[in-house]
Amino acid sequence: MELKKTQMKVDVKDIGDKWNQLPEEEKNKYIQMGKLQSEQYAQLKTVVQQKPPKVKIQTRIELTSICKIIRRLDKAQQQAVSDMGFHGILSLRCTHIDHDLCHWLVQNFDPSTHSLNVHGLRMLLTVEDVHELMGLPSNGLPVKLTESVDEITNLCDELAMKNKFVPFPSLKSYLLETKDAGTEFKRKFVLYIIGALLCPTTKAGVHQSFIKMVKNVESISQFNWAKHTLDFLVDRIAIAKVKERSAMCGCLLVLMVPPLDV
């Protein structure tokens, strides 16, 4: 150990002597090189230490609440959900939307071709993909929405509709407390799933245009909910990209899972 310390002192002294013997012009050259390297190191250190800003998109998807509701459904209620064609929702376990991932996916999604571009590889998103992921009916009648409430005025009152939206809190409160598996349960369950997962908007509720679709609960399973979910998402992505909005409407969960076929 003593030998190493002595050797180090000698080396340092030799370096100092050689430095002192250099002409001023040569010294200035090395001094400038040292300053340049110090500046480059400082810049690199700053870049490495800087964390990319977290992306926070605005979405009304309520995965945690949906999973909480699903966990407390009894067998009769689960059967009612399956009878309406929404059996896939019963298997939902995801409780988190990755905002950074969804933002990147939206930026790389082409609404005109329904495809996602991943490093030059184009992945087509189809109705069948939505069916496999969400367990929704992928054939049947098209979902036709209407703004008119003339035929469902009483139903709108029963659902406590406000400003053209049935608020989430009232739907959630009912679904978390009821033991019913009949018409009211079916209607409110589907409306909540539509507004909080399949076709969410920027509002904390489901739009009145969907109410007519659940008026007759026996016909709910006859509609192509997978196609409507996909069309709604694609349409809202197109709008968001044109207007450069941070608010994301539609079922972003569909984007987070890769399509079955590439």
C-alpha atoms as a PDB file:
ATOM      1  CA  MET A   1       0.000   0.000   0.000  1.00  0.00           C
ATOM      2  CA  GLU A   2       2.834   2.413   0.926  1.00  0.00           C
ATOM      3  CA  LEU A   3       4.543   1.652  -2.366  1.00  0.00           C
ATOM      4  CA  LYS A   4       1.433   2.523  -4.352  1.00  0.00           C
ATOM      5  CA  LYS A   5       1.008   5.851  -2.556  1.00  0.00           C
ATOM      6  CA  THR A   6       4.659   6.747  -3.178  1.00  0.00           C
ATOM      7  CA  GLN A   7       4.387   5.781  -6.844  1.00  0.00           C
ATOM      8  CA  MET A   8       1.245   7.919  -7.204  1.00  0.00           C
ATOM      9  CA  LYS A   9       3.040  10.937  -5.718  1.00  0.00           C
ATOM     10  CA  VAL A  10       5.910  10.478  -8.142  1.00  0.00           C
ATOM     11  CA  ASP A  11       3.537  10.183 -11.121  1.00  0.00           C
ATOM     12  CA  VAL A  12       1.666  13.336 -10.127  1.00  0.00           C
ATOM     13  CA  LYS A  13       4.935  15.219  -9.718  1.00  0.00           C
ATOM     14  CA  ASP A  14       6.147  14.060 -13.147  1.00  0.00           C
ATOM     15  CA  ILE A  15       2.886  15.162 -14.752  1.00  0.00           C
ATOM     16  CA  GLY A  16       3.146  18.549 -13.067  1.00  0.00           C
ATOM     17  CA  ASP A  17       6.708  19.012 -14.241  1.00  0.00           C
ATOM     18  CA  LYS A  18       5.808  18.115 -17.815  1.00  0.00           C
ATOM     19  CA  TRP A  19       2.857  20.511 -17.737  1.00  0.00           C
ATOM     20  CA  ASN A  20       5.032  23.383 -16.545  1.00  0.00           C
ATOM     21  CA  GLN A  21       7.475  22.699 -19.370  1.00  0.00           C
ATOM     22  CA  LEU A  22       4.778  23.069 -22.055  1.00  0.00           C
ATOM     23  CA  PRO A  23       4.619  26.325 -24.058  1.00  0.00           C
ATOM     24  CA  GLU A  24       1.680  28.638 -23.225  1.00  0.00           C
ATOM     25  CA  GLU A  25       0.119  28.009 -26.643  1.00  0.00           C
ATOM     26  CA  GLU A  26       0.103  24.249 -26.005  1.00  0.00           C
ATOM     27  CA  LYS A  27      -1.312  24.735 -22.507  1.00  0.00           C
ATOM     28  CA  ASN A  28      -4.166  26.902 -23.830  1.00  0.00           C
ATOM     29  CA  LYS A  29      -5.063  24.207 -26.349  1.00  0.00           C
ATOM     30  CA  TYR A  30      -5.524  21.599 -23.600  1.00  0.00           C
ATOM     31  CA  ILE A  31      -7.339  24.080 -21.370  1.00  0.00           C
ATOM     32  CA  GLN A  32      -9.880  24.806 -24.134  1.00  0.00           C
ATOM     33  CA  MET A  33     -10.333  21.086 -24.787  1.00  0.00           C
ATOM     34  CA  GLY A  34     -10.996  20.544 -21.087  1.00  0.00           C
ATOM     35  CA  LYS A  35     -13.607  23.314 -20.995  1.00  0.00           C
ATOM     36  CA  LEU A  36     -15.360  21.890 -24.046  1.00  0.00           C
ATOM     37  CA  GLN A  37     -15.499  18.400 -22.543  1.00  0.00           C
ATOM     38  CA  SER A  38     -16.820  19.825 -19.257  1.00  0.00           C
ATOM     39  CA  GLU A  39     -19.600  21.646 -21.090  1.00  0.00           C
ATOM     40  CA  GLN A  40     -20.518  18.529 -23.086  1.00  0.00           C
ATOM     41  CA  TYR A  41     -20.594  16.438 -19.909  1.00  0.00           C
ATOM     42  CA  ALA A  42     -22.815  19.003 -18.169  1.00  0.00           C
ATOM     43  CA  GLN A  43     -25.244  18.974 -21.103  1.00  0.00           C
ATOM     44  CA  LEU A  44     -25.320  15.173 -21.206  1.00  0.00           C
ATOM     45  CA  LYS A  45     -25.881  14.982 -17.462  1.00  0.00           C
ATOM     46  CA  THR A  46     -28.796  17.399 -17.731  1.00  0.00           C
ATOM     47  CA  VAL A  47     -30.422  15.361 -20.509  1.00  0.00           C
ATOM     48  CA  VAL A  48     -30.009  12.097 -18.597  1.00  0.00           C
ATOM     49  CA  GLN A  49     -31.402  13.550 -15.382  1.00  0.00           C
ATOM     50  CA  GLN A  50     -34.442  15.080 -17.053  1.00  0.00           C
ATOM     51  CA  LYS A  51     -37.463  12.801 -16.938  1.00  0.00           C
ATOM     52  CA  PRO A  52     -39.963  12.985 -19.779  1.00  0.00           C
ATOM     53  CA  PRO A  53     -43.160  14.735 -18.678  1.00  0.00           C
ATOM     54  CA  LYS A  54     -45.955  12.372 -17.683  1.00  0.00           C
ATOM     55  CA  VAL A  55     -48.848  12.400 -20.110  1.00  0.00           C
ATOM     56  CA  LYS A  56     -52.236  12.871 -18.487  1.00  0.00           C
ATOM     57  CA  ILE A  57     -55.120  12.297 -20.841  1.00  0.00           C
ATOM     58  CA  GLN A  58     -58.691  13.061 -19.853  1.00  0.00           C
ATOM     59  CA  THR A  59     -60.944  10.031 -19.959  1.00  0.00           C
ATOM     60  CA  ARG A  60     -64.175   9.088 -18.216  1.00  0.00           C
ATOM     61  CA  ILE A  61     -63.497   5.347 -18.272  1.00  0.00           C
ATOM     62  CA  GLU A  62     -64.200   3.950 -14.791  1.00  0.00           C
ATOM     63  CA  LEU A  63     -62.423   0.589 -14.711  1.00  0.00           C
ATOM     64  CA  THR A  64     -62.034   0.438 -10.933  1.00  0.00           C
ATOM     65  CA  SER A  65     -65.746   1.059 -10.332  1.00  0.00           C
ATOM     66  CA  ILE A  66     -66.759  -1.450 -13.001  1.00  0.00           C
ATOM     67  CA  CYS A  67     -64.573  -4.168 -11.473  1.00  0.00           C
ATOM     68  CA  LYS A  68     -65.992  -3.390  -8.037  1.00  0.00           C
ATOM     69  CA  ILE A  69     -69.534  -3.786  -9.354  1.00  0.00           C
ATOM     70  CA  ILE A  70     -68.686  -7.028 -11.176  1.00  0.00           C
ATOM     71  CA  ARG A  71     -67.173  -8.583  -8.038  1.00  0.00           C
ATOM     72  CA  ARG A  72     -70.377  -8.182  -6.065  1.00  0.00           C
ATOM     73  CA  LEU A  73     -72.820  -9.505  -8.685  1.00  0.00           C
ATOM     74  CA  ASP A  74     -74.600 -12.682  -7.623  1.00  0.00           C
ATOM     75  CA  LYS A  75     -75.301 -15.598  -9.972  1.00  0.00           C
ATOM     76  CA  ALA A  76     -78.697 -14.300 -11.064  1.00  0.00           C
ATOM     77  CA  GLN A  77     -77.250 -10.912 -11.963  1.00  0.00           C
ATOM     78  CA  GLN A  78     -74.310 -12.505 -13.785  1.00  0.00           C
ATOM     79  CA  GLN A  79     -76.754 -14.586 -15.804  1.00  0.00           C
ATOM     80  CA  ALA A  80     -78.757 -11.449 -16.620  1.00  0.00           C
ATOM     81  CA  VAL A  81     -75.605  -9.771 -17.926  1.00  0.00           C
ATOM     82  CA  SER A  82     -74.765 -12.824 -20.051  1.00  0.00           C
ATOM     83  CA  ASP A  83     -78.293 -12.979 -21.451  1.00  0.00           C
ATOM     84  CA  MET A  84     -77.877  -9.420 -22.740  1.00  0.00           C
ATOM     85  CA  GLY A  85     -74.702 -10.390 -24.613  1.00  0.00           C
ATOM     86  CA  PHE A  86     -72.342  -8.593 -22.226  1.00  0.00           C
ATOM     87  CA  HIS A  87     -70.796 -11.749 -20.728  1.00  0.00           C
ATOM     88  CA  GLY A  88     -67.267 -10.601 -21.588  1.00  0.00           C
ATOM     89  CA  ILE A  89     -67.570  -7.671 -19.182  1.00  0.00           C
ATOM     90  CA  LEU A  90     -67.804 -10.153 -16.303  1.00  0.00           C
ATOM     91  CA  SER A  91     -64.183 -11.168 -16.977  1.00  0.00           C
ATOM     92  CA  LEU A  92     -62.840  -7.609 -16.800  1.00  0.00           C
ATOM     93  CA  ARG A  93     -59.926  -7.377 -14.367  1.00  0.00           C
ATOM     94  CA  CYS A  94     -58.022  -4.361 -15.670  1.00  0.00           C
ATOM     95  CA  THR A  95     -58.290  -1.390 -13.309  1.00  0.00           C
ATOM     96  CA  HIS A  96     -55.746   0.971 -14.855  1.00  0.00           C
ATOM     97  CA  ILE A  97     -55.496   2.978 -18.051  1.00  0.00           C
ATOM     98  CA  ASP A  98     -51.863   3.613 -19.016  1.00  0.00           C
ATOM     99  CA  HIS A  99     -52.038   7.259 -20.058  1.00  0.00           C
ATOM    100  CA  ASP A 100     -48.586   7.361 -21.671  1.00  0.00           C
ATOM    101  CA  LEU A 101     -49.288   4.210 -23.663  1.00  0.00           C
ATOM    102  CA  CYS A 102     -52.742   5.360 -24.756  1.00  0.00           C
ATOM    103  CA  HIS A 103     -51.428   8.740 -25.817  1.00  0.00           C
ATOM    104  CA  TRP A 104     -48.762   7.044 -27.957  1.00  0.00           C
ATOM    105  CA  LEU A 105     -51.285   4.605 -29.418  1.00  0.00           C
ATOM    106  CA  VAL A 106     -53.698   7.383 -30.356  1.00  0.00           C
ATOM    107  CA  GLN A 107     -50.895   9.322 -32.037  1.00  0.00           C
ATOM    108  CA  ASN A 108     -49.992   6.245 -34.101  1.00  0.00           C
ATOM    109  CA  PHE A 109     -53.541   5.188 -34.940  1.00  0.00           C
ATOM    110  CA  ASP A 110     -54.912   5.959 -38.399  1.00  0.00           C
ATOM    111  CA  PRO A 111     -58.699   6.410 -38.180  1.00  0.00           C
ATOM    112  CA  SER A 112     -59.103   6.265 -41.963  1.00  0.00           C
ATOM    113  CA  THR A 113     -57.772   2.687 -42.137  1.00  0.00           C
ATOM    114  CA  HIS A 114     -58.615   1.526 -38.583  1.00  0.00           C
ATOM    115  CA  SER A 115     -54.959   0.571 -38.201  1.00  0.00           C
ATOM    116  CA  LEU A 116     -52.155   1.051 -35.723  1.00  0.00           C
ATOM    117  CA  ASN A 117     -48.663   1.766 -37.035  1.00  0.00           C
ATOM    118  CA  VAL A 118     -46.017   0.220 -34.772  1.00  0.00           C
ATOM    119  CA  HIS A 119     -42.463   0.784 -36.043  1.00  0.00           C
ATOM    120  CA  GLY A 120     -43.576   0.452 -39.646  1.00  0.00           C
ATOM    121  CA  LEU A 121     -45.793  -2.555 -38.980  1.00  0.00           C
ATOM    122  CA  ARG A 122     -49.489  -1.927 -39.629  1.00  0.00           C
ATOM    123  CA  MET A 123     -51.971  -3.689 -37.359  1.00  0.00           C
ATOM    124  CA  LEU A 124     -55.614  -3.574 -38.378  1.00  0.00           C
ATOM    125  CA  LEU A 125     -58.192  -3.182 -35.605  1.00  0.00           C
ATOM    126  CA  THR A 126     -61.414  -5.011 -36.464  1.00  0.00           C
ATOM    127  CA  VAL A 127     -64.844  -5.622 -35.013  1.00  0.00           C
ATOM    128  CA  GLU A 128     -63.789  -9.212 -34.356  1.00  0.00           C
ATOM    129  CA  ASP A 129     -60.880  -7.942 -32.237  1.00  0.00           C
ATOM    130  CA  VAL A 130     -63.304  -5.942 -30.119  1.00  0.00           C
ATOM    131  CA  HIS A 131     -65.556  -9.002 -29.842  1.00  0.00           C
ATOM    132  CA  GLU A 132     -62.687 -11.204 -28.651  1.00  0.00           C
ATOM    133  CA  LEU A 133     -61.399  -8.622 -26.194  1.00  0.00           C
ATOM    134  CA  MET A 134     -64.651  -7.315 -24.735  1.00  0.00           C
ATOM    135  CA  GLY A 135     -66.909 -10.314 -25.278  1.00  0.00           C
ATOM    136  CA  LEU A 136     -69.539  -8.177 -26.999  1.00  0.00           C
ATOM    137  CA  PRO A 137     -71.914  -9.274 -29.783  1.00  0.00           C
ATOM    138  CA  SER A 138     -70.182  -8.717 -33.147  1.00  0.00           C
ATOM    139  CA  ASN A 139     -73.168  -9.255 -35.401  1.00  0.00           C
ATOM    140  CA  GLY A 140     -76.820  -8.342 -35.419  1.00  0.00           C
ATOM    141  CA  LEU A 141     -78.630  -5.043 -35.800  1.00  0.00           C
ATOM    142  CA  PRO A 142     -76.758  -1.737 -35.962  1.00  0.00           C
ATOM    143  CA  VAL A 143     -76.953   0.450 -32.885  1.00  0.00           C
ATOM    144  CA  LYS A 144     -79.112   3.406 -33.882  1.00  0.00           C
ATOM    145  CA  LEU A 145     -79.046   6.383 -31.551  1.00  0.00           C
ATOM    146  CA  THR A 146     -81.570   9.172 -31.386  1.00  0.00           C
ATOM    147  CA  GLU A 147     -81.632  12.531 -29.635  1.00  0.00           C
ATOM    148  CA  SER A 148     -85.418  12.430 -29.286  1.00  0.00           C
ATOM    149  CA  VAL A 149     -86.813  11.561 -25.853  1.00  0.00           C
ATOM    150  CA  ASP A 150     -90.479  11.787 -26.795  1.00  0.00           C
ATOM    151  CA  GLU A 151     -91.002   8.027 -26.486  1.00  0.00           C
ATOM    152  CA  ILE A 152     -88.988   7.626 -23.297  1.00  0.00           C
ATOM    153  CA  THR A 153     -89.874  10.667 -21.197  1.00  0.00           C
ATOM    154  CA  ASN A 154     -90.952   8.571 -18.206  1.00  0.00           C
ATOM    155  CA  LEU A 155     -87.832   6.451 -18.467  1.00  0.00           C
ATOM    156  CA  CYS A 156     -85.648   9.560 -18.499  1.00  0.00           C
ATOM    157  CA  ASP A 157     -87.318  10.698 -15.283  1.00  0.00           C
ATOM    158  CA  GLU A 158     -86.777   7.290 -13.676  1.00  0.00           C
ATOM    159  CA  LEU A 159     -83.084   7.440 -14.582  1.00  0.00           C
ATOM    160  CA  ALA A 160     -82.767  10.954 -13.109  1.00  0.00           C
ATOM    161  CA  MET A 161     -81.415  12.368 -16.363  1.00  0.00           C
ATOM    162  CA  LYS A 162     -79.833  15.817 -16.097  1.00  0.00           C
ATOM    163  CA  ASN A 163     -78.757  18.003 -19.016  1.00  0.00           C
ATOM    164  CA  LYS A 164     -79.129  15.103 -21.462  1.00  0.00           C
ATOM    165  CA  PHE A 165     -76.965  12.733 -19.374  1.00  0.00           C
ATOM    166  CA  VAL A 166     -77.777  10.004 -16.870  1.00  0.00           C
ATOM    167  CA  PRO A 167     -75.142  10.664 -14.155  1.00  0.00           C
ATOM    168  CA  PHE A 168     -72.713   7.915 -13.196  1.00  0.00           C
ATOM    169  CA  PRO A 169     -73.097   8.333  -9.396  1.00  0.00           C
ATOM    170  CA  SER A 170     -76.767   7.325  -9.399  1.00  0.00           C
ATOM    171  CA  LEU A 171     -76.099   4.322 -11.670  1.00  0.00           C
ATOM    172  CA  LYS A 172     -73.110   3.176  -9.594  1.00  0.00           C
ATOM    173  CA  SER A 173     -74.960   3.584  -6.319  1.00  0.00           C
ATOM    174  CA  TYR A 174     -77.819   1.428  -7.570  1.00  0.00           C
ATOM    175  CA  LEU A 175     -75.577  -1.293  -9.047  1.00  0.00           C
ATOM    176  CA  LEU A 176     -73.497  -1.556  -5.878  1.00  0.00           C
ATOM    177  CA  GLU A 177     -76.530  -1.944  -3.626  1.00  0.00           C
ATOM    178  CA  THR A 178     -79.257  -3.772  -5.553  1.00  0.00           C
ATOM    179  CA  LYS A 179     -79.941  -7.483  -5.384  1.00  0.00           C
ATOM    180  CA  ASP A 180     -82.385  -7.239  -8.272  1.00  0.00           C
ATOM    181  CA  ALA A 181     -81.627  -8.996 -11.556  1.00  0.00           C
ATOM    182  CA  GLY A 182     -84.661  -7.797 -13.481  1.00  0.00           C
ATOM    183  CA  THR A 183     -85.444  -5.054 -15.962  1.00  0.00           C
ATOM    184  CA  GLU A 184     -84.180  -2.107 -13.906  1.00  0.00           C
ATOM    185  CA  PHE A 185     -80.884  -3.852 -13.166  1.00  0.00           C
ATOM    186  CA  LYS A 186     -80.328  -4.829 -16.812  1.00  0.00           C
ATOM    187  CA  ARG A 187     -81.124  -1.356 -18.056  1.00  0.00           C
ATOM    188  CA  LYS A 188     -78.890   0.454 -15.585  1.00  0.00           C
ATOM    189  CA  PHE A 189     -76.036  -2.026 -15.908  1.00  0.00           C
ATOM    190  CA  VAL A 190     -75.871  -1.675 -19.692  1.00  0.00           C
ATOM    191  CA  LEU A 191     -76.185   2.107 -19.559  1.00  0.00           C
ATOM    192  CA  TYR A 192     -73.348   2.329 -17.049  1.00  0.00           C
ATOM    193  CA  ILE A 193     -71.093   0.021 -19.081  1.00  0.00           C
ATOM    194  CA  ILE A 194     -71.814   2.037 -22.231  1.00  0.00           C
ATOM    195  CA  GLY A 195     -71.023   5.371 -20.586  1.00  0.00           C
ATOM    196  CA  ALA A 196     -68.115   4.263 -18.396  1.00  0.00           C
ATOM    197  CA  LEU A 197     -66.338   1.846 -20.744  1.00  0.00           C
ATOM    198  CA  LEU A 198     -67.639   1.270 -24.265  1.00  0.00           C
ATOM    199  CA  CYS A 199     -68.577   4.781 -25.395  1.00  0.00           C
ATOM    200  CA  PRO A 200     -67.382   7.285 -22.781  1.00  0.00           C
ATOM    201  CA  THR A 201     -67.465  10.995 -23.541  1.00  0.00           C
ATOM    202  CA  THR A 202     -66.018  13.898 -21.548  1.00  0.00           C
ATOM    203  CA  LYS A 203     -69.156  13.928 -19.352  1.00  0.00           C
ATOM    204  CA  ALA A 204     -69.583  11.984 -16.107  1.00  0.00           C
ATOM    205  CA  GLY A 205     -72.620  10.164 -17.390  1.00  0.00           C
ATOM    206  CA  VAL A 206     -74.170   8.329 -20.311  1.00  0.00           C
ATOM    207  CA  HIS A 207     -75.860  10.347 -23.039  1.00  0.00           C
ATOM    208  CA  GLN A 208     -79.641  10.244 -23.441  1.00  0.00           C
ATOM    209  CA  SER A 209     -79.277   8.918 -27.005  1.00  0.00           C
ATOM    210  CA  PHE A 210     -78.532   5.463 -25.555  1.00  0.00           C
ATOM    211  CA  ILE A 211     -81.635   5.285 -23.380  1.00  0.00           C
ATOM    212  CA  LYS A 212     -83.891   4.191 -26.212  1.00  0.00           C
ATOM    213  CA  MET A 213     -81.511   1.280 -26.913  1.00  0.00           C
ATOM    214  CA  VAL A 214     -82.207  -0.189 -23.471  1.00  0.00           C
ATOM    215  CA  LYS A 215     -85.929   0.520 -23.304  1.00  0.00           C
ATOM    216  CA  ASN A 216     -86.662  -3.075 -24.259  1.00  0.00           C
ATOM    217  CA  VAL A 217     -84.068  -5.068 -22.317  1.00  0.00           C
ATOM    218  CA  GLU A 218     -84.977  -8.273 -24.170  1.00  0.00           C
ATOM    219  CA  SER A 219     -83.637  -6.833 -27.433  1.00  0.00           C
ATOM    220  CA  ILE A 220     -80.288  -5.560 -26.096  1.00  0.00           C
ATOM    221  CA  SER A 221     -78.458  -8.739 -27.158  1.00  0.00           C
ATOM    222  CA  GLN A 222     -79.693  -8.353 -30.734  1.00  0.00           C
ATOM    223  CA  PHE A 223     -77.463  -5.345 -31.476  1.00  0.00           C
ATOM    224  CA  ASN A 224     -73.880  -5.259 -32.750  1.00  0.00           C
ATOM    225  CA  TRP A 225     -72.263  -3.623 -29.735  1.00  0.00           C
ATOM    226  CA  ALA A 226     -68.717  -4.553 -30.812  1.00  0.00           C
ATOM    227  CA  LYS A 227     -69.026  -2.592 -34.057  1.00  0.00           C
ATOM    228  CA  HIS A 228     -70.590   0.397 -32.341  1.00  0.00           C
ATOM    229  CA  THR A 229     -67.797   0.423 -29.732  1.00  0.00           C
ATOM    230  CA  LEU A 230     -65.131   0.383 -32.446  1.00  0.00           C
ATOM    231  CA  ASP A 231     -66.867   2.990 -34.622  1.00  0.00           C
ATOM    232  CA  PHE A 232     -67.325   5.288 -31.636  1.00  0.00           C
ATOM    233  CA  LEU A 233     -63.634   5.007 -30.688  1.00  0.00           C
ATOM    234  CA  VAL A 234     -62.357   5.590 -34.238  1.00  0.00           C
ATOM    235  CA  ASP A 235     -64.640   8.574 -34.724  1.00  0.00           C
ATOM    236  CA  ARG A 236     -63.558  10.200 -31.448  1.00  0.00           C
ATOM    237  CA  ILE A 237     -59.857   9.590 -32.170  1.00  0.00           C
ATOM    238  CA  ALA A 238     -60.276  11.314 -35.524  1.00  0.00           C
ATOM    239  CA  ILE A 239     -61.888  14.312 -33.819  1.00  0.00           C
ATOM    240  CA  ALA A 240     -59.231  14.428 -31.066  1.00  0.00           C
ATOM    241  CA  LYS A 241     -56.362  14.358 -33.578  1.00  0.00           C
ATOM    242  CA  VAL A 242     -57.849  17.108 -35.736  1.00  0.00           C
ATOM    243  CA  LYS A 243     -58.561  19.370 -32.765  1.00  0.00           C
ATOM    244  CA  GLU A 244     -55.403  18.310 -30.853  1.00  0.00           C
ATOM    245  CA  ARG A 245     -57.366  17.540 -27.707  1.00  0.00           C
ATOM    246  CA  SER A 246     -56.025  15.822 -24.611  1.00  0.00           C
ATOM    247  CA  ALA A 247     -59.505  14.536 -23.809  1.00  0.00           C
ATOM    248  CA  MET A 248     -59.905  11.016 -25.171  1.00  0.00           C
ATOM    249  CA  CYS A 249     -63.378   9.595 -25.759  1.00  0.00           C
ATOM    250  CA  GLY A 250     -64.096   5.993 -26.620  1.00  0.00           C
ATOM    251  CA  CYS A 251     -62.938   2.638 -25.312  1.00  0.00           C
ATOM    252  CA  LEU A 252     -59.172   3.149 -24.991  1.00  0.00           C
ATOM    253  CA  LEU A 253     -58.903  -0.328 -23.518  1.00  0.00           C
ATOM    254  CA  VAL A 254     -59.372  -1.696 -27.050  1.00  0.00           C
ATOM    255  CA  LEU A 255     -56.172   0.082 -28.145  1.00  0.00           C
ATOM    256  CA  MET A 256     -54.120  -1.216 -25.221  1.00  0.00           C
ATOM    257  CA  VAL A 257     -54.481  -4.853 -26.320  1.00  0.00           C
ATOM    258  CA  PRO A 258     -52.779  -5.814 -29.636  1.00  0.00           C
ATOM    259  CA  PRO A 259     -55.054  -7.099 -32.440  1.00  0.00           C
ATOM    260  CA  LEU A 260     -55.213 -10.855 -32.934  1.00  0.00           C
ATOM    261  CA  ASP A 261     -53.985 -10.739 -36.538  1.00  0.00           C
ATOM    262  CA  VAL A 262     -51.188  -8.590 -37.923  1.00  0.00           C
END
